[in-house]
């Protein structure tokens, strides 16, 4: 599995936050139950109001990518 997250530089009333990008590749167990496949993973990040997360699952006969546009807010 490959997973990555990134956010652009942003300014707010609380101050500025720099752009960041993180990525990881690792082998993970796939848990299938009731027709749904769940792939648990942890990804380090910094808080940002707009974050793009991309996860790619590969394996024998598998090539699937999912993209999520979300926010990782800070506790302020």
N, C-alpha and C. Protein backbone atom coordinates (compact mmCIF):
# COMPACT_ATOMS: atom_id res chain seq x y z
N UNK A 1 0.84 -1.16 0.00
CA UNK A 1 0.00 0.00 0.00
C UNK A 1 0.89 1.23 0.00
N UNK A 2 0.52 2.20 -0.78
CA UNK A 2 1.17 3.50 -0.78
C UNK A 2 0.14 4.52 -0.35
N UNK A 3 0.51 5.40 0.55
CA UNK A 3 -0.39 6.45 0.99
C UNK A 3 0.39 7.75 1.09
N UNK A 4 -0.26 8.84 0.74
CA UNK A 4 0.38 10.14 0.82
C UNK A 4 -0.65 11.20 1.14
N UNK A 5 -0.20 12.26 1.77
CA UNK A 5 -1.07 13.40 2.07
C UNK A 5 -0.26 14.66 1.85
N UNK A 6 -0.96 15.72 1.42
CA UNK A 6 -0.27 16.98 1.19
C UNK A 6 -1.23 18.14 1.40
N UNK A 7 -0.66 19.29 1.76
CA UNK A 7 -1.43 20.52 1.94
C UNK A 7 -0.58 21.69 1.47
N UNK A 8 -1.26 22.70 0.94
CA UNK A 8 -0.56 23.90 0.49
C UNK A 8 -0.39 24.86 1.66
N UNK A 9 0.51 25.82 1.48
CA UNK A 9 0.73 26.87 2.46
C UNK A 9 -0.58 27.64 2.65
N UNK A 10 -0.87 28.03 3.90
CA UNK A 10 -2.08 28.81 4.14
C UNK A 10 -1.86 29.82 5.26
N UNK A 11 -2.62 30.88 5.21
CA UNK A 11 -2.58 31.93 6.22
C UNK A 11 -3.96 32.02 6.88
N UNK A 12 -3.97 32.28 8.19
CA UNK A 12 -5.23 32.46 8.90
C UNK A 12 -5.01 33.48 10.02
N UNK A 13 -6.06 33.80 10.75
CA UNK A 13 -5.94 34.73 11.87
C UNK A 13 -4.99 34.19 12.93
N UNK A 14 -4.87 32.87 13.01
CA UNK A 14 -3.98 32.25 14.00
C UNK A 14 -2.53 32.25 13.55
N UNK A 15 -2.26 32.66 12.30
CA UNK A 15 -0.90 32.69 11.77
C UNK A 15 -0.77 31.85 10.51
N UNK A 16 0.44 31.71 10.04
CA UNK A 16 0.68 30.97 8.80
C UNK A 16 1.08 29.53 9.08
N UNK A 17 0.78 28.68 8.11
CA UNK A 17 1.20 27.29 8.16
C UNK A 17 1.88 26.98 6.84
N UNK A 18 3.03 26.36 6.91
CA UNK A 18 3.77 26.03 5.70
C UNK A 18 3.18 24.85 4.95
N UNK A 19 3.49 24.75 3.67
CA UNK A 19 3.08 23.60 2.87
C UNK A 19 3.79 22.35 3.39
N UNK A 20 3.16 21.20 3.22
CA UNK A 20 3.78 19.95 3.64
C UNK A 20 3.32 18.79 2.77
N UNK A 21 4.11 17.73 2.77
CA UNK A 21 3.79 16.52 2.02
C UNK A 21 4.41 15.34 2.75
N UNK A 22 3.67 14.25 2.87
CA UNK A 22 4.18 13.05 3.52
C UNK A 22 3.75 11.84 2.71
N UNK A 23 4.54 10.78 2.73
CA UNK A 23 4.21 9.56 1.99
C UNK A 23 4.76 8.36 2.74
N UNK A 24 4.15 7.21 2.51
CA UNK A 24 4.63 5.97 3.10
C UNK A 24 4.25 4.80 2.19
N UNK A 25 5.07 3.78 2.23
CA UNK A 25 4.80 2.54 1.51
C UNK A 25 5.02 1.41 2.50
N UNK A 26 4.04 0.53 2.59
CA UNK A 26 4.20 -0.61 3.51
C UNK A 26 3.26 -1.73 3.12
N UNK A 27 3.61 -2.93 3.59
CA UNK A 27 2.73 -4.07 3.39
C UNK A 27 1.75 -4.11 4.55
N UNK A 28 0.47 -4.26 4.22
CA UNK A 28 -0.57 -4.26 5.23
C UNK A 28 -1.52 -5.42 4.99
N UNK A 29 -2.08 -5.96 6.07
CA UNK A 29 -3.11 -6.98 5.90
C UNK A 29 -4.39 -6.34 5.40
N UNK A 30 -5.12 -7.05 4.57
CA UNK A 30 -6.41 -6.57 4.07
C UNK A 30 -7.50 -7.34 4.80
N UNK A 31 -8.44 -6.64 5.38
CA UNK A 31 -9.52 -7.26 6.12
C UNK A 31 -10.80 -7.16 5.31
N UNK A 32 -11.33 -8.29 4.85
CA UNK A 32 -12.56 -8.28 4.06
C UNK A 32 -13.70 -8.84 4.90
N UNK A 33 -14.81 -8.11 4.91
CA UNK A 33 -15.96 -8.55 5.68
C UNK A 33 -17.23 -8.01 5.02
N UNK A 34 -18.18 -8.89 4.75
CA UNK A 34 -19.46 -8.46 4.18
C UNK A 34 -19.33 -7.76 2.85
N UNK A 35 -18.38 -8.15 2.01
CA UNK A 35 -18.22 -7.54 0.70
C UNK A 35 -17.43 -6.24 0.70
N UNK A 36 -17.03 -5.76 1.87
CA UNK A 36 -16.23 -4.53 1.96
C UNK A 36 -14.81 -4.88 2.38
N UNK A 37 -13.84 -4.21 1.78
CA UNK A 37 -12.45 -4.41 2.14
C UNK A 37 -11.97 -3.21 2.94
N UNK A 38 -11.35 -3.48 4.08
CA UNK A 38 -10.84 -2.44 4.96
C UNK A 38 -9.33 -2.58 5.04
N UNK A 39 -8.62 -1.48 4.81
CA UNK A 39 -7.16 -1.47 4.88
C UNK A 39 -6.76 -0.44 5.94
N UNK A 40 -6.42 -0.89 7.15
CA UNK A 40 -6.06 0.07 8.20
C UNK A 40 -4.64 0.60 8.00
N UNK A 41 -4.45 1.91 8.19
CA UNK A 41 -3.11 2.49 8.15
C UNK A 41 -3.11 3.80 8.92
N UNK A 42 -1.93 4.20 9.36
CA UNK A 42 -1.73 5.47 10.05
C UNK A 42 -0.85 6.34 9.18
N UNK A 43 -1.15 7.62 9.14
CA UNK A 43 -0.39 8.55 8.31
C UNK A 43 -0.13 9.80 9.12
N UNK A 44 1.13 10.17 9.28
CA UNK A 44 1.45 11.40 10.01
C UNK A 44 1.05 12.61 9.18
N UNK A 45 0.65 13.67 9.83
CA UNK A 45 0.22 14.86 9.12
C UNK A 45 0.38 16.09 10.01
N UNK A 46 0.26 17.26 9.41
CA UNK A 46 0.16 18.52 10.12
C UNK A 46 -1.21 19.10 9.85
N UNK A 47 -1.71 19.90 10.77
CA UNK A 47 -3.06 20.44 10.59
C UNK A 47 -3.10 21.39 9.39
N UNK A 48 -4.24 21.36 8.69
CA UNK A 48 -4.46 22.21 7.53
C UNK A 48 -5.95 22.18 7.20
N UNK A 49 -6.44 23.25 6.62
CA UNK A 49 -7.87 23.31 6.29
C UNK A 49 -8.21 22.57 5.01
N UNK A 50 -7.25 22.37 4.12
CA UNK A 50 -7.47 21.63 2.88
C UNK A 50 -6.33 20.64 2.69
N UNK A 51 -6.66 19.36 2.72
CA UNK A 51 -5.65 18.30 2.60
C UNK A 51 -6.09 17.31 1.53
N UNK A 52 -5.15 16.87 0.72
CA UNK A 52 -5.43 15.83 -0.27
C UNK A 52 -4.74 14.55 0.19
N UNK A 53 -5.51 13.47 0.32
CA UNK A 53 -4.98 12.17 0.71
C UNK A 53 -5.18 11.21 -0.45
N UNK A 54 -4.12 10.51 -0.85
CA UNK A 54 -4.20 9.53 -1.93
C UNK A 54 -3.67 8.20 -1.40
N UNK A 55 -4.47 7.14 -1.53
CA UNK A 55 -4.06 5.80 -1.10
C UNK A 55 -4.16 4.87 -2.30
N UNK A 56 -3.09 4.10 -2.54
CA UNK A 56 -3.06 3.14 -3.65
C UNK A 56 -2.79 1.76 -3.08
N UNK A 57 -3.68 0.84 -3.37
CA UNK A 57 -3.57 -0.54 -2.91
C UNK A 57 -3.16 -1.40 -4.10
N UNK A 58 -2.06 -2.14 -3.95
CA UNK A 58 -1.60 -3.01 -5.02
C UNK A 58 -1.35 -4.39 -4.46
N UNK A 59 -1.47 -5.38 -5.30
CA UNK A 59 -1.23 -6.77 -4.91
C UNK A 59 -1.58 -7.67 -6.07
N UNK A 60 -1.55 -8.98 -5.86
CA UNK A 60 -1.89 -9.90 -6.94
C UNK A 60 -3.31 -9.62 -7.47
N UNK A 61 -3.40 -9.14 -8.69
CA UNK A 61 -4.69 -8.86 -9.31
C UNK A 61 -5.40 -7.62 -8.79
N UNK A 62 -4.70 -6.78 -8.01
CA UNK A 62 -5.33 -5.61 -7.41
C UNK A 62 -4.56 -4.35 -7.79
N UNK A 63 -5.26 -3.33 -8.23
CA UNK A 63 -4.67 -2.01 -8.47
C UNK A 63 -5.80 -1.02 -8.26
N UNK A 64 -5.87 -0.40 -7.12
CA UNK A 64 -6.97 0.49 -6.77
C UNK A 64 -6.43 1.75 -6.11
N UNK A 65 -6.92 2.92 -6.53
CA UNK A 65 -6.49 4.19 -5.95
C UNK A 65 -7.72 4.95 -5.50
N UNK A 66 -7.63 5.55 -4.32
CA UNK A 66 -8.69 6.39 -3.79
C UNK A 66 -8.10 7.73 -3.40
N UNK A 67 -8.83 8.81 -3.71
CA UNK A 67 -8.41 10.16 -3.36
C UNK A 67 -9.46 10.78 -2.47
N UNK A 68 -9.02 11.45 -1.43
CA UNK A 68 -9.92 12.10 -0.49
C UNK A 68 -9.46 13.54 -0.29
N UNK A 69 -10.34 14.49 -0.54
CA UNK A 69 -10.08 15.88 -0.22
C UNK A 69 -10.77 16.17 1.10
N UNK A 70 -10.00 16.52 2.12
CA UNK A 70 -10.55 16.67 3.46
C UNK A 70 -9.82 17.78 4.19
N UNK A 71 -10.05 17.88 5.48
CA UNK A 71 -9.36 18.84 6.34
C UNK A 71 -8.83 18.11 7.56
N UNK A 72 -7.67 18.51 8.03
CA UNK A 72 -7.11 18.01 9.28
C UNK A 72 -7.01 19.22 10.22
N UNK A 73 -8.11 19.60 10.85
CA UNK A 73 -8.09 20.83 11.67
C UNK A 73 -7.22 20.66 12.91
N UNK A 74 -6.71 21.79 13.39
CA UNK A 74 -5.93 21.82 14.63
C UNK A 74 -6.87 22.06 15.81
N UNK A 75 -6.52 21.52 16.94
CA UNK A 75 -7.27 21.84 18.17
C UNK A 75 -6.73 23.18 18.66
N UNK A 76 -7.54 24.19 18.59
CA UNK A 76 -7.08 25.54 18.97
C UNK A 76 -7.92 26.08 20.08
